């Protein structure tokens, strides 16, 4: 009887090629996760009174026309007082979220003073920001509307006191002889709530047009006066001031020219011009360049309002 041959035992490789694909996938996935975490900026929350139009994963934050973050979640704020938005900033835009930063929702606005945010009719609303200069902050309170436009550091500001705000809005024009020389910066109730304080800013070339005895009046809105013997009189106003409101002023020419009004000088805002105010035409030199005017001083009145 013959002996059967000894079995041949082969040793296969302990590592099978079948594991190569999963390992490569794990490495690639890990690298993508690391890159995503490394490129992510800080997460912040912003409370708005109304979050209409804001959509998680779609609404973006823009600064100077560049997308700098995306909304990750939209929920009701504690107490049901508004909307709380959770926003993830790009790493390169982390410095936008410093103390003092101001955020607002851009909605379409159409008026005689201009067209803003019209593209949001197609793309949806977006968030805009004015960066803060303080240390990093994680929670903010959003603005109800876009803040007052930045004005040049040159020029001069004045405070007008009125019984009512009327149709005046932030950015409304300030006219001298129907020529725009400035704009409304902000408004607020006086400390004792008996009047409205309106802050206006004039560009550097025109600051000396305001003298200590100048008269200001509300140049906005529509007014028609009818009398039995005098006929009808239509209030003269521009289309821009008809929509946004406006302020006009004049300086008496019946005597020596009064001194130029200092920064933060206060005046009474009349509801309409006096009989001869619009006829006044004193000779007041216009500054040729902004360099001829002093830098704009800091104001205590209404400055805090400008931050909100």
C-alpha atoms as a PDB file:
ATOM      1  CA  UNK A   1       0.000   0.000   0.000  1.00  0.00           C
ATOM      2  CA  UNK A   2       1.467   3.308  -1.098  1.00  0.00           C
ATOM      3  CA  UNK A   3       1.681   6.347   1.177  1.00  0.00           C
ATOM      4  CA  UNK A   4      -0.318   9.391  -0.021  1.00  0.00           C
ATOM      5  CA  UNK A   5       1.708  12.511  -0.704  1.00  0.00           C
ATOM      6  CA  UNK A   6       1.944  15.067   2.095  1.00  0.00           C
ATOM      7  CA  UNK A   7      -0.505  17.984   1.706  1.00  0.00           C
ATOM      8  CA  UNK A   8       0.987  21.215   0.415  1.00  0.00           C
ATOM      9  CA  UNK A   9       0.188  24.130   2.715  1.00  0.00           C
ATOM     10  CA  UNK A  10       0.435  27.614   1.200  1.00  0.00           C
ATOM     11  CA  UNK A  11       0.487  30.727   3.322  1.00  0.00           C
ATOM     12  CA  UNK A  12      -1.519  33.616   1.782  1.00  0.00           C
ATOM     13  CA  UNK A  13      -0.686  37.209   2.539  1.00  0.00           C
ATOM     14  CA  UNK A  14      -2.137  38.450   5.841  1.00  0.00           C
ATOM     15  CA  UNK A  15      -3.152  41.737   4.154  1.00  0.00           C
ATOM     16  CA  UNK A  16      -5.835  41.480   1.518  1.00  0.00           C
ATOM     17  CA  UNK A  17      -6.167  44.000  -1.266  1.00  0.00           C
ATOM     18  CA  UNK A  18      -9.866  44.199  -0.442  1.00  0.00           C
ATOM     19  CA  UNK A  19      -8.991  46.555   2.471  1.00  0.00           C
ATOM     20  CA  UNK A  20      -7.126  49.056   0.302  1.00  0.00           C
ATOM     21  CA  UNK A  21     -10.212  50.903  -0.913  1.00  0.00           C
ATOM     22  CA  UNK A  22     -11.789  51.398   2.570  1.00  0.00           C
ATOM     23  CA  UNK A  23      -8.434  52.540   3.991  1.00  0.00           C
ATOM     24  CA  UNK A  24      -7.993  55.088   1.212  1.00  0.00           C
ATOM     25  CA  UNK A  25     -11.556  56.320   1.800  1.00  0.00           C
ATOM     26  CA  UNK A  26     -10.860  56.688   5.542  1.00  0.00           C
ATOM     27  CA  UNK A  27      -7.657  58.644   4.898  1.00  0.00           C
ATOM     28  CA  UNK A  28      -9.348  60.957   2.399  1.00  0.00           C
ATOM     29  CA  UNK A  29     -12.343  61.437   4.693  1.00  0.00           C
ATOM     30  CA  UNK A  30     -10.088  62.224   7.636  1.00  0.00           C
ATOM     31  CA  UNK A  31      -8.150  64.756   5.590  1.00  0.00           C
ATOM     32  CA  UNK A  32     -11.367  66.464   4.449  1.00  0.00           C
ATOM     33  CA  UNK A  33     -12.645  66.658   8.024  1.00  0.00           C
ATOM     34  CA  UNK A  34      -9.331  68.078   9.222  1.00  0.00           C
ATOM     35  CA  UNK A  35      -9.287  70.662   6.416  1.00  0.00           C
ATOM     36  CA  UNK A  36     -12.895  71.668   7.139  1.00  0.00           C
ATOM     37  CA  UNK A  37     -12.266  72.064  10.868  1.00  0.00           C
ATOM     38  CA  UNK A  38      -9.033  73.938  10.202  1.00  0.00           C
ATOM     39  CA  UNK A  39     -10.728  76.405   7.832  1.00  0.00           C
ATOM     40  CA  UNK A  40     -13.823  77.028   9.948  1.00  0.00           C
ATOM     41  CA  UNK A  41     -14.169  80.339  11.689  1.00  0.00           C
ATOM     42  CA  UNK A  42     -15.978  81.132  14.924  1.00  0.00           C
ATOM     43  CA  UNK A  43     -19.680  80.538  15.481  1.00  0.00           C
ATOM     44  CA  UNK A  44     -21.755  83.506  16.668  1.00  0.00           C
ATOM     45  CA  UNK A  45     -25.413  84.124  17.482  1.00  0.00           C
ATOM     46  CA  UNK A  46     -27.400  87.212  16.538  1.00  0.00           C
ATOM     47  CA  UNK A  47     -30.807  88.151  17.942  1.00  0.00           C
ATOM     48  CA  UNK A  48     -33.210  89.986  15.634  1.00  0.00           C
ATOM     49  CA  UNK A  49     -36.686  91.283  16.346  1.00  0.00           C
ATOM     50  CA  UNK A  50     -37.808  89.593  13.119  1.00  0.00           C
ATOM     51  CA  UNK A  51     -35.996  86.937  11.113  1.00  0.00           C
ATOM     52  CA  UNK A  52     -38.213  87.051   8.017  1.00  0.00           C
ATOM     53  CA  UNK A  53     -36.520  85.608   4.946  1.00  0.00           C
ATOM     54  CA  UNK A  54     -33.479  84.165   6.725  1.00  0.00           C
ATOM     55  CA  UNK A  55     -32.973  80.495   5.791  1.00  0.00           C
ATOM     56  CA  UNK A  56     -30.491  78.092   7.383  1.00  0.00           C
ATOM     57  CA  UNK A  57     -27.875  76.870   4.911  1.00  0.00           C
ATOM     58  CA  UNK A  58     -28.790  79.529   2.329  1.00  0.00           C
ATOM     59  CA  UNK A  59     -28.610  83.002   3.828  1.00  0.00           C
ATOM     60  CA  UNK A  60     -25.083  84.369   3.814  1.00  0.00           C
ATOM     61  CA  UNK A  61     -23.259  87.167   5.585  1.00  0.00           C
ATOM     62  CA  UNK A  62     -21.630  89.677   3.244  1.00  0.00           C
ATOM     63  CA  UNK A  63     -19.016  92.328   3.888  1.00  0.00           C
ATOM     64  CA  UNK A  64     -18.024  94.644   1.039  1.00  0.00           C
ATOM     65  CA  UNK A  65     -19.746  92.336  -1.422  1.00  0.00           C
ATOM     66  CA  UNK A  66     -17.839  89.219  -0.316  1.00  0.00           C
ATOM     67  CA  UNK A  67     -19.514  86.226   1.324  1.00  0.00           C
ATOM     68  CA  UNK A  68     -17.956  85.793   4.770  1.00  0.00           C
ATOM     69  CA  UNK A  69     -20.220  83.322   6.510  1.00  0.00           C
ATOM     70  CA  UNK A  70     -23.389  81.222   6.357  1.00  0.00           C
ATOM     71  CA  UNK A  71     -26.423  80.936   8.605  1.00  0.00           C
ATOM     72  CA  UNK A  72     -26.500  77.480  10.183  1.00  0.00           C
ATOM     73  CA  UNK A  73     -29.728  77.682  12.177  1.00  0.00           C
ATOM     74  CA  UNK A  74     -32.716  79.970  12.769  1.00  0.00           C
ATOM     75  CA  UNK A  75     -34.780  79.587  15.924  1.00  0.00           C
ATOM     76  CA  UNK A  76     -37.010  81.628  18.175  1.00  0.00           C
ATOM     77  CA  UNK A  77     -35.050  83.512  20.799  1.00  0.00           C
ATOM     78  CA  UNK A  78     -35.661  82.741  24.485  1.00  0.00           C
ATOM     79  CA  UNK A  79     -38.913  84.297  25.648  1.00  0.00           C
ATOM     80  CA  UNK A  80     -40.272  84.236  22.065  1.00  0.00           C
ATOM     81  CA  UNK A  81     -39.243  87.853  21.648  1.00  0.00           C
ATOM     82  CA  UNK A  82     -37.691  87.466  18.209  1.00  0.00           C
ATOM     83  CA  UNK A  83     -35.421  85.271  16.119  1.00  0.00           C
ATOM     84  CA  UNK A  84     -32.025  83.902  17.103  1.00  0.00           C
ATOM     85  CA  UNK A  85     -29.662  83.220  14.201  1.00  0.00           C
ATOM     86  CA  UNK A  86     -26.627  80.979  14.511  1.00  0.00           C
ATOM     87  CA  UNK A  87     -23.953  82.006  12.020  1.00  0.00           C
ATOM     88  CA  UNK A  88     -20.664  80.347  11.085  1.00  0.00           C
ATOM     89  CA  UNK A  89     -18.016  82.816   9.937  1.00  0.00           C
ATOM     90  CA  UNK A  90     -15.225  81.976   7.530  1.00  0.00           C
ATOM     91  CA  UNK A  91     -11.869  81.761   9.262  1.00  0.00           C
ATOM     92  CA  UNK A  92     -10.543  84.697   7.238  1.00  0.00           C
ATOM     93  CA  UNK A  93     -13.490  86.812   8.448  1.00  0.00           C
ATOM     94  CA  UNK A  94     -13.221  86.011  12.162  1.00  0.00           C
ATOM     95  CA  UNK A  95     -12.188  89.580  12.990  1.00  0.00           C
ATOM     96  CA  UNK A  96     -15.608  90.850  11.856  1.00  0.00           C
ATOM     97  CA  UNK A  97     -17.125  89.579  15.097  1.00  0.00           C
ATOM     98  CA  UNK A  98     -15.432  92.037  17.409  1.00  0.00           C
ATOM     99  CA  UNK A  99     -17.183  93.961  20.166  1.00  0.00           C
ATOM    100  CA  UNK A 100     -19.215  96.773  18.645  1.00  0.00           C
ATOM    101  CA  UNK A 101     -19.964  94.964  15.374  1.00  0.00           C
ATOM    102  CA  UNK A 102     -23.364  95.762  13.875  1.00  0.00           C
ATOM    103  CA  UNK A 103     -25.403  93.212  11.922  1.00  0.00           C
ATOM    104  CA  UNK A 104     -28.596  93.746   9.952  1.00  0.00           C
ATOM    105  CA  UNK A 105     -30.803  91.941   7.436  1.00  0.00           C
ATOM    106  CA  UNK A 106     -30.807  93.377   3.909  1.00  0.00           C
ATOM    107  CA  UNK A 107     -34.289  93.679   2.428  1.00  0.00           C
ATOM    108  CA  UNK A 108     -35.155  95.360  -0.893  1.00  0.00           C
ATOM    109  CA  UNK A 109     -35.783  99.118  -0.570  1.00  0.00           C
ATOM    110  CA  UNK A 110     -37.007 101.346  -3.359  1.00  0.00           C
ATOM    111  CA  UNK A 111     -37.341 105.108  -2.999  1.00  0.00           C
ATOM    112  CA  UNK A 112     -36.314 108.447  -4.452  1.00  0.00           C
ATOM    113  CA  UNK A 113     -33.175 108.354  -2.317  1.00  0.00           C
ATOM    114  CA  UNK A 114     -32.031 105.233  -4.141  1.00  0.00           C
ATOM    115  CA  UNK A 115     -32.549 101.512  -4.705  1.00  0.00           C
ATOM    116  CA  UNK A 116     -30.939  99.114  -2.251  1.00  0.00           C
ATOM    117  CA  UNK A 117     -30.989  95.357  -1.899  1.00  0.00           C
ATOM    118  CA  UNK A 118     -33.010  94.833  -5.082  1.00  0.00           C
ATOM    119  CA  UNK A 119     -31.046  91.666  -5.845  1.00  0.00           C
ATOM    120  CA  UNK A 120     -32.520  90.039  -2.731  1.00  0.00           C
ATOM    121  CA  UNK A 121     -35.818  89.700  -4.628  1.00  0.00           C
ATOM    122  CA  UNK A 122     -34.067  86.938  -6.591  1.00  0.00           C
ATOM    123  CA  UNK A 123     -31.357  85.624  -4.262  1.00  0.00           C
ATOM    124  CA  UNK A 124     -33.211  86.011  -0.980  1.00  0.00           C
ATOM    125  CA  UNK A 125     -32.259  88.215   1.945  1.00  0.00           C
ATOM    126  CA  UNK A 126     -28.693  88.409   3.217  1.00  0.00           C
ATOM    127  CA  UNK A 127     -26.930  89.705   6.298  1.00  0.00           C
ATOM    128  CA  UNK A 128     -24.555  92.645   6.285  1.00  0.00           C
ATOM    129  CA  UNK A 129     -22.090  93.780   8.924  1.00  0.00           C
ATOM    130  CA  UNK A 130     -20.026  96.721  10.049  1.00  0.00           C
ATOM    131  CA  UNK A 131     -17.028  95.211  11.881  1.00  0.00           C
ATOM    132  CA  UNK A 132     -16.372  95.893  15.531  1.00  0.00           C
ATOM    133  CA  UNK A 133     -13.041  97.073  16.867  1.00  0.00           C
ATOM    134  CA  UNK A 134     -13.147  95.356  20.234  1.00  0.00           C
ATOM    135  CA  UNK A 135     -12.227  91.825  21.368  1.00  0.00           C
ATOM    136  CA  UNK A 136     -14.028  88.774  19.910  1.00  0.00           C
ATOM    137  CA  UNK A 137     -17.677  88.392  20.966  1.00  0.00           C
ATOM    138  CA  UNK A 138     -20.013  85.437  20.444  1.00  0.00           C
ATOM    139  CA  UNK A 139     -23.430  87.073  20.871  1.00  0.00           C
ATOM    140  CA  UNK A 140     -24.881  90.177  19.208  1.00  0.00           C
ATOM    141  CA  UNK A 141     -28.176  92.029  18.958  1.00  0.00           C
ATOM    142  CA  UNK A 142     -29.013  92.778  15.334  1.00  0.00           C
ATOM    143  CA  UNK A 143     -30.272  96.100  14.020  1.00  0.00           C
ATOM    144  CA  UNK A 144     -33.847  96.549  12.807  1.00  0.00           C
ATOM    145  CA  UNK A 145     -32.575  98.410   9.731  1.00  0.00           C
ATOM    146  CA  UNK A 146     -29.361  99.396   8.029  1.00  0.00           C
ATOM    147  CA  UNK A 147     -27.289 101.821  10.137  1.00  0.00           C
ATOM    148  CA  UNK A 148     -26.766 105.430   9.167  1.00  0.00           C
ATOM    149  CA  UNK A 149     -24.308 105.800   6.311  1.00  0.00           C
ATOM    150  CA  UNK A 150     -20.735 106.515   7.273  1.00  0.00           C
ATOM    151  CA  UNK A 151     -19.831 110.136   6.840  1.00  0.00           C
ATOM    152  CA  UNK A 152     -16.463 111.696   6.263  1.00  0.00           C
ATOM    153  CA  UNK A 153     -14.330 112.570   9.275  1.00  0.00           C
ATOM    154  CA  UNK A 154     -14.215 116.088   7.903  1.00  0.00           C
ATOM    155  CA  UNK A 155     -17.115 118.444   8.356  1.00  0.00           C
ATOM    156  CA  UNK A 156     -19.313 119.527  11.213  1.00  0.00           C
ATOM    157  CA  UNK A 157     -22.452 118.303  12.952  1.00  0.00           C
ATOM    158  CA  UNK A 158     -25.360 120.278  14.413  1.00  0.00           C
ATOM    159  CA  UNK A 159     -28.327 119.413  16.602  1.00  0.00           C
ATOM    160  CA  UNK A 160     -31.854 120.445  15.657  1.00  0.00           C
ATOM    161  CA  UNK A 161     -34.676 120.489  18.177  1.00  0.00           C
ATOM    162  CA  UNK A 162     -38.222 119.871  16.975  1.00  0.00           C
ATOM    163  CA  UNK A 163     -41.653 119.202  18.455  1.00  0.00           C
ATOM    164  CA  UNK A 164     -42.087 116.207  16.140  1.00  0.00           C
ATOM    165  CA  UNK A 165     -39.877 114.072  13.918  1.00  0.00           C
ATOM    166  CA  UNK A 166     -42.314 114.203  11.015  1.00  0.00           C
ATOM    167  CA  UNK A 167     -41.126 112.503   7.833  1.00  0.00           C
ATOM    168  CA  UNK A 168     -37.401 112.909   8.566  1.00  0.00           C
ATOM    169  CA  UNK A 169     -35.429 109.693   8.277  1.00  0.00           C
ATOM    170  CA  UNK A 170     -31.774 108.759   8.576  1.00  0.00           C
ATOM    171  CA  UNK A 171     -29.993 109.849   5.418  1.00  0.00           C
ATOM    172  CA  UNK A 172     -32.549 112.560   4.608  1.00  0.00           C
ATOM    173  CA  UNK A 173     -30.965 115.501   2.750  1.00  0.00           C
ATOM    174  CA  UNK A 174     -30.014 118.886   4.162  1.00  0.00           C
ATOM    175  CA  UNK A 175     -30.435 121.717   1.653  1.00  0.00           C
ATOM    176  CA  UNK A 176     -29.039 125.217   1.263  1.00  0.00           C
ATOM    177  CA  UNK A 177     -30.761 127.137  -1.528  1.00  0.00           C
ATOM    178  CA  UNK A 178     -32.152 123.760  -2.708  1.00  0.00           C
ATOM    179  CA  UNK A 179     -28.602 122.386  -3.044  1.00  0.00           C
ATOM    180  CA  UNK A 180     -27.754 119.317  -0.968  1.00  0.00           C
ATOM    181  CA  UNK A 181     -24.962 120.080   1.508  1.00  0.00           C
ATOM    182  CA  UNK A 182     -25.443 117.383   4.142  1.00  0.00           C
ATOM    183  CA  UNK A 183     -27.724 114.727   5.557  1.00  0.00           C
ATOM    184  CA  UNK A 184     -29.537 113.593   8.682  1.00  0.00           C
ATOM    185  CA  UNK A 185     -27.411 111.248  10.789  1.00  0.00           C
ATOM    186  CA  UNK A 186     -29.667 110.236  13.672  1.00  0.00           C
ATOM    187  CA  UNK A 187     -32.635 111.218  15.803  1.00  0.00           C
ATOM    188  CA  UNK A 188     -33.737 110.628  19.379  1.00  0.00           C
ATOM    189  CA  UNK A 189     -36.071 111.921  22.041  1.00  0.00           C
ATOM    190  CA  UNK A 190     -34.607 114.507  24.392  1.00  0.00           C
ATOM    191  CA  UNK A 191     -33.764 113.427  27.935  1.00  0.00           C
ATOM    192  CA  UNK A 192     -37.053 114.806  29.273  1.00  0.00           C
ATOM    193  CA  UNK A 193     -39.030 113.505  26.231  1.00  0.00           C
ATOM    194  CA  UNK A 194     -40.446 116.960  25.481  1.00  0.00           C
ATOM    195  CA  UNK A 195     -38.760 117.282  22.082  1.00  0.00           C
ATOM    196  CA  UNK A 196     -37.038 115.366  19.298  1.00  0.00           C
ATOM    197  CA  UNK A 197     -33.301 115.879  18.747  1.00  0.00           C
ATOM    198  CA  UNK A 198     -32.094 115.490  15.167  1.00  0.00           C
ATOM    199  CA  UNK A 199     -28.418 115.389  14.324  1.00  0.00           C
ATOM    200  CA  UNK A 200     -27.325 116.570  10.878  1.00  0.00           C
ATOM    201  CA  UNK A 201     -23.880 116.532   9.301  1.00  0.00           C
ATOM    202  CA  UNK A 202     -22.575 118.996   6.707  1.00  0.00           C
ATOM    203  CA  UNK A 203     -19.666 118.245   4.404  1.00  0.00           C
ATOM    204  CA  UNK A 204     -16.439 120.167   4.963  1.00  0.00           C
ATOM    205  CA  UNK A 205     -16.854 122.678   2.113  1.00  0.00           C
ATOM    206  CA  UNK A 206     -20.222 123.842   3.478  1.00  0.00           C
ATOM    207  CA  UNK A 207     -19.728 124.023   7.240  1.00  0.00           C
ATOM    208  CA  UNK A 208     -19.415 127.820   7.331  1.00  0.00           C
ATOM    209  CA  UNK A 209     -22.829 128.238   5.734  1.00  0.00           C
ATOM    210  CA  UNK A 210     -24.285 127.592   9.171  1.00  0.00           C
ATOM    211  CA  UNK A 211     -23.940 130.720  11.301  1.00  0.00           C
ATOM    212  CA  UNK A 212     -24.997 131.245  14.886  1.00  0.00           C
ATOM    213  CA  UNK A 213     -28.189 133.008  13.713  1.00  0.00           C
ATOM    214  CA  UNK A 214     -29.125 130.594  10.902  1.00  0.00           C
ATOM    215  CA  UNK A 215     -32.701 129.359  10.664  1.00  0.00           C
ATOM    216  CA  UNK A 216     -33.690 125.750   9.949  1.00  0.00           C
ATOM    217  CA  UNK A 217     -37.020 124.371   8.791  1.00  0.00           C
ATOM    218  CA  UNK A 218     -38.585 121.099   7.734  1.00  0.00           C
ATOM    219  CA  UNK A 219     -38.438 120.939   3.945  1.00  0.00           C
ATOM    220  CA  UNK A 220     -40.069 117.527   3.514  1.00  0.00           C
ATOM    221  CA  UNK A 221     -43.605 116.378   2.927  1.00  0.00           C
ATOM    222  CA  UNK A 222     -46.462 117.867   0.950  1.00  0.00           C
ATOM    223  CA  UNK A 223     -48.343 120.981   1.982  1.00  0.00           C
ATOM    224  CA  UNK A 224     -51.042 123.003   0.247  1.00  0.00           C
ATOM    225  CA  UNK A 225     -52.416 126.197   1.779  1.00  0.00           C
ATOM    226  CA  UNK A 226     -55.662 127.677   0.518  1.00  0.00           C
ATOM    227  CA  UNK A 227     -57.020 131.051   1.624  1.00  0.00           C
ATOM    228  CA  UNK A 228     -60.159 132.914   0.648  1.00  0.00           C
ATOM    229  CA  UNK A 229     -58.339 135.960  -0.723  1.00  0.00           C
ATOM    230  CA  UNK A 230     -54.771 134.758  -1.245  1.00  0.00           C
ATOM    231  CA  UNK A 231     -55.469 131.748  -3.439  1.00  0.00           C
ATOM    232  CA  UNK A 232     -53.566 128.482  -3.113  1.00  0.00           C
ATOM    233  CA  UNK A 233     -49.924 128.030  -2.156  1.00  0.00           C
ATOM    234  CA  UNK A 234     -48.011 124.782  -2.708  1.00  0.00           C
ATOM    235  CA  UNK A 235     -45.071 124.053  -0.436  1.00  0.00           C
ATOM    236  CA  UNK A 236     -41.898 123.980  -2.530  1.00  0.00           C
ATOM    237  CA  UNK A 237     -40.047 120.682  -2.037  1.00  0.00           C
ATOM    238  CA  UNK A 238     -37.945 118.179  -3.959  1.00  0.00           C
ATOM    239  CA  UNK A 239     -39.032 114.653  -4.875  1.00  0.00           C
ATOM    240  CA  UNK A 240     -36.312 113.231  -2.621  1.00  0.00           C
ATOM    241  CA  UNK A 241     -37.414 115.201   0.436  1.00  0.00           C
ATOM    242  CA  UNK A 242     -41.054 114.400  -0.364  1.00  0.00           C
ATOM    243  CA  UNK A 243     -40.281 110.726   0.331  1.00  0.00           C
ATOM    244  CA  UNK A 244     -37.480 110.760   2.929  1.00  0.00           C
ATOM    245  CA  UNK A 245     -38.071 114.155   4.513  1.00  0.00           C
ATOM    246  CA  UNK A 246     -35.541 116.930   4.415  1.00  0.00           C
ATOM    247  CA  UNK A 247     -34.110 119.948   6.200  1.00  0.00           C
ATOM    248  CA  UNK A 248     -33.359 123.368   4.753  1.00  0.00           C
ATOM    249  CA  UNK A 249     -31.663 126.390   6.285  1.00  0.00           C
ATOM    250  CA  UNK A 250     -30.802 130.003   5.538  1.00  0.00           C
ATOM    251  CA  UNK A 251     -28.797 132.817   7.129  1.00  0.00           C
ATOM    252  CA  UNK A 252     -29.941 136.436   7.537  1.00  0.00           C
ATOM    253  CA  UNK A 253     -28.390 139.029   5.224  1.00  0.00           C
ATOM    254  CA  UNK A 254     -29.721 142.193   6.884  1.00  0.00           C
ATOM    255  CA  UNK A 255     -26.639 142.952   8.955  1.00  0.00           C
ATOM    256  CA  UNK A 256     -23.058 141.906   9.706  1.00  0.00           C
ATOM    257  CA  UNK A 257     -22.424 138.208   9.068  1.00  0.00           C
ATOM    258  CA  UNK A 258     -22.721 136.266  12.325  1.00  0.00           C
ATOM    259  CA  UNK A 259     -19.874 133.927  13.405  1.00  0.00           C
ATOM    260  CA  UNK A 260     -19.802 130.408  12.020  1.00  0.00           C
ATOM    261  CA  UNK A 261     -21.657 127.975  14.281  1.00  0.00           C
ATOM    262  CA  UNK A 262     -19.394 125.582  16.196  1.00  0.00           C
ATOM    263  CA  UNK A 263     -19.671 121.830  16.078  1.00  0.00           C
ATOM    264  CA  UNK A 264     -22.641 120.496  18.058  1.00  0.00           C
ATOM    265  CA  UNK A 265     -24.414 123.878  18.061  1.00  0.00           C
ATOM    266  CA  UNK A 266     -28.152 123.549  18.626  1.00  0.00           C
ATOM    267  CA  UNK A 267     -30.966 125.149  16.635  1.00  0.00           C
ATOM    268  CA  UNK A 268     -34.753 125.045  16.614  1.00  0.00           C
ATOM    269  CA  UNK A 269     -36.270 123.272  13.608  1.00  0.00           C
ATOM    270  CA  UNK A 270     -39.327 125.195  12.404  1.00  0.00           C
ATOM    271  CA  UNK A 271     -42.193 123.388  10.684  1.00  0.00           C
ATOM    272  CA  UNK A 272     -42.003 125.839   7.756  1.00  0.00           C
ATOM    273  CA  UNK A 273     -39.827 128.783   6.715  1.00  0.00           C
ATOM    274  CA  UNK A 274     -40.493 132.310   7.871  1.00  0.00           C
ATOM    275  CA  UNK A 275     -41.782 134.905   5.435  1.00  0.00           C
ATOM    276  CA  UNK A 276     -38.382 136.103   4.177  1.00  0.00           C
ATOM    277  CA  UNK A 277     -36.081 133.217   5.087  1.00  0.00           C
ATOM    278  CA  UNK A 278     -35.868 131.796   1.575  1.00  0.00           C
ATOM    279  CA  UNK A 279     -34.970 135.225   0.184  1.00  0.00           C
ATOM    280  CA  UNK A 280     -31.890 135.628   2.394  1.00  0.00           C
ATOM    281  CA  UNK A 281     -28.670 135.526   0.369  1.00  0.00           C
ATOM    282  CA  UNK A 282     -25.570 136.494   2.364  1.00  0.00           C
ATOM    283  CA  UNK A 283     -22.129 136.152   0.783  1.00  0.00           C
ATOM    284  CA  UNK A 284     -20.392 133.241   2.517  1.00  0.00           C
ATOM    285  CA  UNK A 285     -17.196 131.778   1.003  1.00  0.00           C
ATOM    286  CA  UNK A 286     -17.273 128.038   0.257  1.00  0.00           C
ATOM    287  CA  UNK A 287     -14.231 126.020   1.309  1.00  0.00           C
ATOM    288  CA  UNK A 288     -12.497 124.653  -1.762  1.00  0.00           C
ATOM    289  CA  UNK A 289     -11.374 121.308  -0.313  1.00  0.00           C
ATOM    290  CA  UNK A 290     -12.038 119.187   2.731  1.00  0.00           C
ATOM    291  CA  UNK A 291      -8.485 119.855   3.869  1.00  0.00           C
ATOM    292  CA  UNK A 292      -9.510 123.442   4.591  1.00  0.00           C
ATOM    293  CA  UNK A 293     -11.895 122.322   7.332  1.00  0.00           C
ATOM    294  CA  UNK A 294     -11.073 121.059  10.773  1.00  0.00           C
ATOM    295  CA  UNK A 295     -11.438 117.326  11.528  1.00  0.00           C
ATOM    296  CA  UNK A 296     -14.829 116.424  12.854  1.00  0.00           C
ATOM    297  CA  UNK A 297     -14.853 116.508  16.681  1.00  0.00           C
ATOM    298  CA  UNK A 298     -16.409 113.812  18.795  1.00  0.00           C
ATOM    299  CA  UNK A 299     -19.987 114.450  19.907  1.00  0.00           C
ATOM    300  CA  UNK A 300     -21.612 113.327  23.111  1.00  0.00           C
ATOM    301  CA  UNK A 301     -25.161 113.978  21.938  1.00  0.00           C
ATOM    302  CA  UNK A 302     -26.651 111.166  19.858  1.00  0.00           C
ATOM    303  CA  UNK A 303     -23.231 109.502  19.377  1.00  0.00           C
ATOM    304  CA  UNK A 304     -24.433 106.434  21.263  1.00  0.00           C
ATOM    305  CA  UNK A 305     -27.504 106.293  19.044  1.00  0.00           C
ATOM    306  CA  UNK A 306     -25.297 106.099  15.947  1.00  0.00           C
ATOM    307  CA  UNK A 307     -23.946 102.767  17.193  1.00  0.00           C
ATOM    308  CA  UNK A 308     -27.382 101.087  17.126  1.00  0.00           C
END
